[in-house]
C-alpha atoms as a PDB file:
ATOM      1  CA  MET A   1      11.106 -10.215 -19.462  1.00  0.00           C
ATOM      2  CA  ASN A   2      11.533  -9.104 -15.969  1.00  0.00           C
ATOM      3  CA  LYS A   3       9.035  -6.444 -14.553  1.00  0.00           C
ATOM      4  CA  LYS A   4      10.828  -2.792 -15.218  1.00  0.00           C
ATOM      5  CA  ILE A   5       9.769   0.710 -15.141  1.00  0.00           C
ATOM      6  CA  VAL A   6       9.512   2.155 -18.341  1.00  0.00           C
ATOM      7  CA  VAL A   7       8.444   5.926 -19.671  1.00  0.00           C
ATOM      8  CA  PRO A   8       6.711   6.574 -23.057  1.00  0.00           C
ATOM      9  CA  GLY A   9       9.135   5.442 -26.348  1.00  0.00           C
ATOM     10  CA  ASP A  10      10.981   2.569 -24.376  1.00  0.00           C
ATOM     11  CA  PHE A  11      11.644  -0.059 -26.699  1.00  0.00           C
ATOM     12  CA  LEU A  12      10.450  -3.491 -25.491  1.00  0.00           C
ATOM     13  CA  SER A  13      10.536  -6.107 -28.179  1.00  0.00           C
ATOM     14  CA  ASN A  14      10.826  -6.937 -31.610  1.00  0.00           C
ATOM     15  CA  ASP A  15       8.186  -9.492 -31.592  1.00  0.00           C
ATOM     16  CA  VAL A  16       5.095  -7.454 -32.415  1.00  0.00           C
ATOM     17  CA  LYS A  17       2.503 -10.305 -32.284  1.00  0.00           C
ATOM     18  CA  LYS A  18       3.270  -9.738 -27.864  1.00  0.00           C
ATOM     19  CA  ALA A  19       1.900  -6.086 -28.232  1.00  0.00           C
ATOM     20  CA  GLY A  20      -0.468  -5.715 -25.487  1.00  0.00           C
ATOM     21  CA  ASP A  21      -2.060  -3.255 -23.293  1.00  0.00           C
ATOM     22  CA  GLY A  22       0.042   0.018 -22.475  1.00  0.00           C
ATOM     23  CA  THR A  23       2.286  -0.581 -26.054  1.00  0.00           C
ATOM     24  CA  TYR A  24       2.273   0.715 -29.382  1.00  0.00           C
ATOM     25  CA  VAL A  25       3.933  -0.816 -32.548  1.00  0.00           C
ATOM     26  CA  ARG A  26       6.216   1.123 -34.370  1.00  0.00           C
ATOM     27  CA  ASP A  27       8.593   0.158 -37.813  1.00  0.00           C
ATOM     28  CA  GLY A  28       8.218  -3.508 -36.957  1.00  0.00           C
ATOM     29  CA  LYS A  29       9.315  -3.067 -33.325  1.00  0.00           C
ATOM     30  CA  ILE A  30       6.989  -2.690 -29.574  1.00  0.00           C
ATOM     31  CA  TYR A  31       7.260   0.477 -27.847  1.00  0.00           C
ATOM     32  CA  ALA A  32       5.929   1.349 -24.075  1.00  0.00           C
ATOM     33  CA  LYS A  33       3.220   4.173 -24.847  1.00  0.00           C
ATOM     34  CA  LEU A  34       2.649   5.001 -20.864  1.00  0.00           C
ATOM     35  CA  TYR A  35       4.746   5.826 -17.715  1.00  0.00           C
ATOM     36  CA  GLY A  36       4.655   2.145 -15.819  1.00  0.00           C
ATOM     37  CA  VAL A  37       5.356  -1.624 -15.187  1.00  0.00           C
ATOM     38  CA  ALA A  38       6.305  -3.639 -18.049  1.00  0.00           C
ATOM     39  CA  SER A  39       5.986  -7.317 -18.329  1.00  0.00           C
ATOM     40  CA  GLU A  40       5.518 -10.270 -20.378  1.00  0.00           C
ATOM     41  CA  LYS A  41       3.421 -13.329 -20.085  1.00  0.00           C
ATOM     42  CA  ASP A  42       1.560 -14.478 -23.463  1.00  0.00           C
ATOM     43  CA  LYS A  43       1.724 -10.265 -23.926  1.00  0.00           C
ATOM     44  CA  ILE A  44       4.117  -7.263 -23.064  1.00  0.00           C
ATOM     45  CA  ARG A  45       1.720  -5.247 -21.104  1.00  0.00           C
ATOM     46  CA  VAL A  46       2.669  -1.724 -19.425  1.00  0.00           C
ATOM     47  CA  VAL A  47       0.995  -1.225 -15.849  1.00  0.00           C
ATOM     48  CA  PRO A  48       0.373   2.975 -15.670  1.00  0.00           C
ATOM     49  CA  LEU A  49       2.360   3.900 -12.174  1.00  0.00           C
ATOM     50  CA  SER A  50      -0.447   6.507 -11.394  1.00  0.00           C
ATOM     51  CA  GLY A  51      -2.213   5.465  -7.969  1.00  0.00           C
ATOM     52  CA  ILE A  52       0.666   2.564  -7.826  1.00  0.00           C
ATOM     53  CA  TYR A  53       2.657   2.123  -5.076  1.00  0.00           C
ATOM     54  CA  VAL A  54       6.352   1.798  -6.183  1.00  0.00           C
ATOM     55  CA  PRO A  55       8.817   0.576  -3.582  1.00  0.00           C
ATOM     56  CA  SER A  56      12.023   2.568  -1.871  1.00  0.00           C
ATOM     57  CA  LYS A  57      14.448   1.436   0.287  1.00  0.00           C
ATOM     58  CA  ASN A  58      13.355   2.178   4.293  1.00  0.00           C
ATOM     59  CA  ASP A  59       9.738   2.613   3.243  1.00  0.00           C
ATOM     60  CA  VAL A  60       7.402   1.246   5.969  1.00  0.00           C
ATOM     61  CA  ILE A  61       4.528  -0.593   4.915  1.00  0.00           C
ATOM     62  CA  ILE A  62       1.458  -3.160   5.645  1.00  0.00           C
ATOM     63  CA  GLY A  63       1.482  -5.908   3.676  1.00  0.00           C
ATOM     64  CA  THR A  64      -0.218  -9.144   3.623  1.00  0.00           C
ATOM     65  CA  VAL A  65       0.995 -13.115   2.854  1.00  0.00           C
ATOM     66  CA  LYS A  66      -0.447 -14.615  -0.031  1.00  0.00           C
ATOM     67  CA  SER A  67       1.918 -17.877   0.137  1.00  0.00           C
ATOM     68  CA  VAL A  68       4.460 -19.347   2.082  1.00  0.00           C
ATOM     69  CA  THR A  69       7.649 -20.886   0.854  1.00  0.00           C
ATOM     70  CA  PHE A  70      10.221 -23.159   2.203  1.00  0.00           C
ATOM     71  CA  SER A  71      12.474 -19.996   3.341  1.00  0.00           C
ATOM     72  CA  ASN A  72      10.241 -16.784   2.545  1.00  0.00           C
ATOM     73  CA  TRP A  73       6.655 -15.454   2.907  1.00  0.00           C
ATOM     74  CA  ILE A  74       5.654 -14.029  -0.409  1.00  0.00           C
ATOM     75  CA  LEU A  75       3.390 -10.795   0.412  1.00  0.00           C
ATOM     76  CA  ASP A  76       1.107  -8.643  -1.442  1.00  0.00           C
ATOM     77  CA  ILE A  77       2.392  -5.091  -0.895  1.00  0.00           C
ATOM     78  CA  ARG A  78      -0.161  -3.247  -3.126  1.00  0.00           C
ATOM     79  CA  SER A  79       2.202  -3.016  -5.988  1.00  0.00           C
ATOM     80  CA  PRO A  80       3.253  -4.588  -9.104  1.00  0.00           C
ATOM     81  CA  TYR A  81       5.979  -6.363  -7.238  1.00  0.00           C
ATOM     82  CA  GLU A  82       5.924  -9.376  -4.707  1.00  0.00           C
ATOM     83  CA  GLY A  83       7.456  -8.195  -1.263  1.00  0.00           C
ATOM     84  CA  TRP A  84       9.490 -11.287  -0.178  1.00  0.00           C
ATOM     85  CA  LEU A  85      10.260 -11.614   3.669  1.00  0.00           C
ATOM     86  CA  ASN A  86      12.480 -14.330   4.372  1.00  0.00           C
ATOM     87  CA  SER A  87      12.833 -15.961   7.588  1.00  0.00           C
ATOM     88  CA  SER A  88      15.687 -14.669   8.988  1.00  0.00           C
ATOM     89  CA  GLU A  89      14.040 -11.309   8.496  1.00  0.00           C
ATOM     90  CA  TYR A  90      11.900 -11.922  11.147  1.00  0.00           C
ATOM     91  CA  PRO A  91      12.093 -10.951  14.603  1.00  0.00           C
ATOM     92  CA  LYS A  92      13.296 -14.043  16.274  1.00  0.00           C
ATOM     93  CA  ARG A  93      15.024 -17.361  14.850  1.00  0.00           C
ATOM     94  CA  ILE A  94      12.772 -19.437  13.426  1.00  0.00           C
ATOM     95  CA  ASP A  95      12.930 -22.871  12.028  1.00  0.00           C
ATOM     96  CA  SER A  96      12.258 -23.040   8.439  1.00  0.00           C
ATOM     97  CA  ASN A  97       9.334 -25.958   8.858  1.00  0.00           C
ATOM     98  CA  ASP A  98       7.675 -23.467  11.624  1.00  0.00           C
ATOM     99  CA  MET A  99       7.005 -20.614   9.238  1.00  0.00           C
ATOM    100  CA  SER A 100       3.222 -20.564   9.069  1.00  0.00           C
ATOM    101  CA  LYS A 101       2.986 -21.195  12.979  1.00  0.00           C
ATOM    102  CA  TYR A 102       4.555 -17.567  12.838  1.00  0.00           C
ATOM    103  CA  LEU A 103       2.966 -16.277   9.656  1.00  0.00           C
ATOM    104  CA  THR A 104       0.343 -18.052   7.304  1.00  0.00           C
ATOM    105  CA  VAL A 105      -1.967 -16.641   4.464  1.00  0.00           C
ATOM    106  CA  GLY A 106      -4.189 -13.874   5.205  1.00  0.00           C
ATOM    107  CA  ASP A 107      -2.115 -12.335   7.814  1.00  0.00           C
ATOM    108  CA  SER A 108      -1.313  -8.809   7.493  1.00  0.00           C
ATOM    109  CA  VAL A 109       1.935  -7.128   9.060  1.00  0.00           C
ATOM    110  CA  MET A 110       3.823  -3.886   9.187  1.00  0.00           C
ATOM    111  CA  VAL A 111       7.240  -4.047   7.342  1.00  0.00           C
ATOM    112  CA  MET A 112      10.252  -2.437   6.055  1.00  0.00           C
ATOM    113  CA  VAL A 113      11.984  -2.551   2.794  1.00  0.00           C
ATOM    114  CA  ASN A 114      15.074  -4.012   3.073  1.00  0.00           C
ATOM    115  CA  ASP A 115      16.459  -4.018  -0.335  1.00  0.00           C
ATOM    116  CA  LEU A 116      15.423  -3.523  -4.150  1.00  0.00           C
ATOM    117  CA  THR A 117      17.526  -5.385  -6.723  1.00  0.00           C
ATOM    118  CA  PRO A 118      17.815  -3.759 -10.275  1.00  0.00           C
ATOM    119  CA  SER A 119      14.687  -6.046 -11.439  1.00  0.00           C
ATOM    120  CA  MET A 120      12.542  -4.242  -8.543  1.00  0.00           C
ATOM    121  CA  PHE A 121      12.982  -7.795  -6.459  1.00  0.00           C
ATOM    122  CA  VAL A 122      11.507  -6.460  -3.091  1.00  0.00           C
ATOM    123  CA  ASP A 123      13.803  -7.612   0.040  1.00  0.00           C
ATOM    124  CA  LEU A 124      11.770  -6.951   3.304  1.00  0.00           C
ATOM    125  CA  THR A 125      12.750  -6.692   7.043  1.00  0.00           C
ATOM    126  CA  MET A 126      11.147  -7.286  10.288  1.00  0.00           C
ATOM    127  CA  ARG A 127      13.883  -6.627  11.981  1.00  0.00           C
ATOM    128  CA  ASN A 128      13.425  -3.195  13.411  1.00  0.00           C
ATOM    129  CA  ASN A 129      11.370  -1.697  16.108  1.00  0.00           C
ATOM    130  CA  LYS A 130       8.872  -0.015  13.684  1.00  0.00           C
ATOM    131  CA  SER A 131       7.793  -4.414  12.111  1.00  0.00           C
ATOM    132  CA  MET A 132       5.367  -5.818  13.334  1.00  0.00           C
ATOM    133  CA  VAL A 133       2.448  -8.462  13.179  1.00  0.00           C
ATOM    134  CA  ILE A 134      -1.184  -7.025  12.963  1.00  0.00           C
ATOM    135  CA  ASN A 135      -3.724  -9.298  14.945  1.00  0.00           C
ATOM    136  CA  ASN A 136      -6.495  -5.614  16.300  1.00  0.00           C
ATOM    137  CA  GLY A 137      -8.081  -3.317  14.586  1.00  0.00           C
ATOM    138  CA  ILE A 138      -9.043  -2.266  10.619  1.00  0.00           C
ATOM    139  CA  LEU A 139      -7.223  -1.414   8.040  1.00  0.00           C
ATOM    140  CA  ILE A 140      -8.321   0.270   4.534  1.00  0.00           C
ATOM    141  CA  GLU A 141      -6.844   0.919   1.727  1.00  0.00           C
ATOM    142  CA  ILE A 142      -5.968   4.749   0.363  1.00  0.00           C
ATOM    143  CA  SER A 143      -3.998   5.534  -2.951  1.00  0.00           C
ATOM    144  CA  PRO A 144       0.142   5.952  -2.104  1.00  0.00           C
ATOM    145  CA  GLU A 145      -0.289   8.856  -3.805  1.00  0.00           C
ATOM    146  CA  LYS A 146      -2.724  10.647  -0.914  1.00  0.00           C
ATOM    147  CA  VAL A 147      -0.002   9.314   1.917  1.00  0.00           C
ATOM    148  CA  PRO A 148       1.368  12.830   2.101  1.00  0.00           C
ATOM    149  CA  ARG A 149      -1.848  14.623   1.871  1.00  0.00           C
ATOM    150  CA  VAL A 150      -3.084  12.178   5.268  1.00  0.00           C
ATOM    151  CA  ILE A 151       0.007  12.625   7.143  1.00  0.00           C
ATOM    152  CA  GLY A 152       0.379  16.333   6.511  1.00  0.00           C
ATOM    153  CA  ARG A 153       3.089  18.774   6.182  1.00  0.00           C
ATOM    154  CA  GLY A 154       5.312  18.285   9.823  1.00  0.00           C
ATOM    155  CA  GLY A 155       2.957  15.040  10.344  1.00  0.00           C
ATOM    156  CA  SER A 156       0.428  17.941  11.154  1.00  0.00           C
ATOM    157  CA  MET A 157      -2.826  15.909  10.138  1.00  0.00           C
ATOM    158  CA  ILE A 158      -2.141  12.533  11.170  1.00  0.00           C
ATOM    159  CA  SER A 159      -1.843  14.377  14.610  1.00  0.00           C
ATOM    160  CA  LEU A 160      -5.252  16.109  14.072  1.00  0.00           C
ATOM    161  CA  LEU A 161      -6.561  12.480  13.141  1.00  0.00           C
ATOM    162  CA  LYS A 162      -5.183  10.707  15.990  1.00  0.00           C
ATOM    163  CA  LYS A 163      -6.038  13.371  18.785  1.00  0.00           C
ATOM    164  CA  GLU A 164      -9.671  14.198  17.565  1.00  0.00           C
ATOM    165  CA  THR A 165     -10.648  10.274  17.653  1.00  0.00           C
ATOM    166  CA  ASN A 166      -8.512   9.208  19.886  1.00  0.00           C
ATOM    167  CA  CYS A 167      -7.161   6.678  17.596  1.00  0.00           C
ATOM    168  CA  ASN A 168      -3.516   4.942  16.773  1.00  0.00           C
ATOM    169  CA  ILE A 169      -3.306   5.483  13.198  1.00  0.00           C
ATOM    170  CA  PHE A 170      -0.452   4.266  11.010  1.00  0.00           C
ATOM    171  CA  VAL A 171      -0.388   4.838   7.385  1.00  0.00           C
ATOM    172  CA  GLY A 172       2.113   2.761   5.467  1.00  0.00           C
ATOM    173  CA  GLN A 173       3.972   4.170   2.302  1.00  0.00           C
ATOM    174  CA  ASN A 174       1.674   1.938   0.429  1.00  0.00           C
ATOM    175  CA  GLY A 175      -1.008   3.634   1.375  1.00  0.00           C
ATOM    176  CA  VAL A 176      -2.533   1.173   3.494  1.00  0.00           C
ATOM    177  CA  VAL A 177      -3.774   2.736   7.087  1.00  0.00           C
ATOM    178  CA  TRP A 178      -4.403   0.587  10.047  1.00  0.00           C
ATOM    179  CA  VAL A 179      -6.767   1.946  12.891  1.00  0.00           C
ATOM    180  CA  THR A 180      -7.011   0.934  15.832  1.00  0.00           C
ATOM    181  CA  GLY A 181      -9.228   2.359  18.901  1.00  0.00           C
ATOM    182  CA  LYS A 182     -13.204   2.034  20.081  1.00  0.00           C
ATOM    183  CA  ASP A 183     -15.558   1.118  17.160  1.00  0.00           C
ATOM    184  CA  ASN A 184     -17.192   4.751  17.092  1.00  0.00           C
ATOM    185  CA  ASP A 185     -13.763   6.487  16.919  1.00  0.00           C
ATOM    186  CA  ILE A 186     -12.621   4.061  14.257  1.00  0.00           C
ATOM    187  CA  ILE A 187     -15.445   5.327  12.165  1.00  0.00           C
ATOM    188  CA  ARG A 188     -14.787   8.860  12.532  1.00  0.00           C
ATOM    189  CA  ALA A 189     -11.276   8.001  11.578  1.00  0.00           C
ATOM    190  CA  ILE A 190     -12.212   6.319   8.599  1.00  0.00           C
ATOM    191  CA  ASP A 191     -14.598   8.553   7.285  1.00  0.00           C
ATOM    192  CA  ALA A 192     -11.828  11.263   7.954  1.00  0.00           C
ATOM    193  CA  ILE A 193      -9.485  10.157   6.169  1.00  0.00           C
ATOM    194  CA  HIS A 194     -11.609   9.037   2.964  1.00  0.00           C
ATOM    195  CA  VAL A 195     -12.686  12.840   2.922  1.00  0.00           C
ATOM    196  CA  ILE A 196      -8.863  13.563   2.804  1.00  0.00           C
ATOM    197  CA  GLU A 197      -8.502  11.465   0.201  1.00  0.00           C
ATOM    198  CA  LYS A 198     -11.063  12.871  -1.999  1.00  0.00           C
ATOM    199  CA  GLU A 199     -10.438  16.514  -1.381  1.00  0.00           C
ATOM    200  CA  ALA A 200      -6.475  16.512  -1.206  1.00  0.00           C
ATOM    201  CA  HIS A 201      -6.329  19.021  -3.947  1.00  0.00           C
ATOM    202  CA  LYS A 202      -8.423  21.525  -1.381  1.00  0.00           C
ATOM    203  CA  GLN A 203      -6.556  24.050   0.322  1.00  0.00           C
ATOM    204  CA  GLY A 204      -7.162  25.027   4.267  1.00  0.00           C
ATOM    205  CA  LEU A 205      -7.851  20.953   4.357  1.00  0.00           C
ATOM    206  CA  THR A 206      -7.032  20.683   7.814  1.00  0.00           C
ATOM    207  CA  GLU A 207      -8.441  23.484   9.058  1.00  0.00           C
ATOM    208  CA  ARG A 208     -11.679  21.415   7.498  1.00  0.00           C
ATOM    209  CA  ILE A 209     -10.911  18.356   8.995  1.00  0.00           C
ATOM    210  CA  GLY A 210     -10.256  19.379  12.422  1.00  0.00           C
ATOM    211  CA  ARG A 211     -13.637  21.517  12.821  1.00  0.00           C
ATOM    212  CA  LEU A 212     -15.849  17.680  10.890  1.00  0.00           C
ATOM    213  CA  LEU A 213     -14.180  15.899  13.583  1.00  0.00           C
ATOM    214  CA  LYS A 214     -15.213  18.465  16.146  1.00  0.00           C
ATOM    215  CA  GLY A 215     -19.046  18.629  14.277  1.00  0.00           C
ATOM    216  CA  GLU A 216     -18.309  21.983  13.657  1.00  0.00           C
ATOM    217  CA  VAL A 217     -19.596  21.205   9.969  1.00  0.00           C
ATOM    218  CA  LYS A 218     -21.162  17.812   8.585  1.00  0.00           C
ATOM    219  CA  GLU A 219     -19.850  15.855   5.143  1.00  0.00           C
ATOM    220  CA  LYS A 220     -22.175  15.504   2.505  1.00  0.00           C
ATOM    221  CA  LYS A 221     -21.645  11.859   1.667  1.00  0.00           C
ATOM    222  CA  GLU A 222     -22.988   8.720   0.723  1.00  0.00           C
ATOM    223  CA  GLU A 223     -24.495   6.039   3.410  1.00  0.00           C
ATOM    224  CA  SER A 224     -21.225   5.112   5.097  1.00  0.00           C
ATOM    225  CA  LYS A 225     -19.666   2.067   4.185  1.00  0.00           C
ATOM    226  CA  SER A 226     -17.506   2.054   7.493  1.00  0.00           C
ATOM    227  CA  PRO A 227     -20.106   0.306   9.813  1.00  0.00           C
ATOM    228  CA  ASP A 228     -19.959  -2.652   7.529  1.00  0.00           C
ATOM    229  CA  ILE A 229     -16.413  -2.798   7.131  1.00  0.00           C
ATOM    230  CA  LEU A 230     -16.162  -2.665  10.797  1.00  0.00           C
ATOM    231  CA  ASN A 231     -18.189  -5.677  11.232  1.00  0.00           C
ATOM    232  CA  GLU A 232     -16.873  -8.114   8.788  1.00  0.00           C
ATOM    233  CA  LEU A 233     -13.093  -7.026   9.771  1.00  0.00           C
ATOM    234  CA  LEU A 234     -13.093  -5.656  13.438  1.00  0.00           C
ATOM    235  CA  ASP A 235     -11.937  -7.775  15.984  1.00  0.00           C
END
């Protein structure tokens, strides 16, 4: 079974012995219990899509190289699906034998979703003016569902964050956020982003974040993990 998006009640198989998480059996057949992604290894399972990134064409995202094949970099894009970046989609012409000289396992890169097949083969490209290799700053992850709130209506929230923290901030559609700037400014930006993610449902959040960043109000929180993250990842 290729990975595919299913809704509750979708038929999955006649082999009830393969029923796994996120499925149910009725009248000798397996059906999807959840809205999610169905896949099969030893068992048929459905992984819920809530909080998971589902790629769309032209999305700009941040992925991390997990393996290198003869002509493709395979990227973890925080999705049930892997992203495939063919060497021909790199900004410059390269020989397939030299791929690891340009991107290797563990490298992060900003890419665009170029195409999707019906079976959710995710074809990526760097042949646009938004894509680049990420070699500085820090990456954090938020729920993809909260991306619109961090960006804000008309870009209001992200503009506020950039202005008040003096940081450059890019929010990938898959929930990976890239922050660059001075160490203390990055900490402030990350803390504010976590507040936005936690309180995304509240009204007047942009105003509250503005006051928080100006020091007019203080956020009650547990010990921030940002300094530890910086020590580990910041160049």
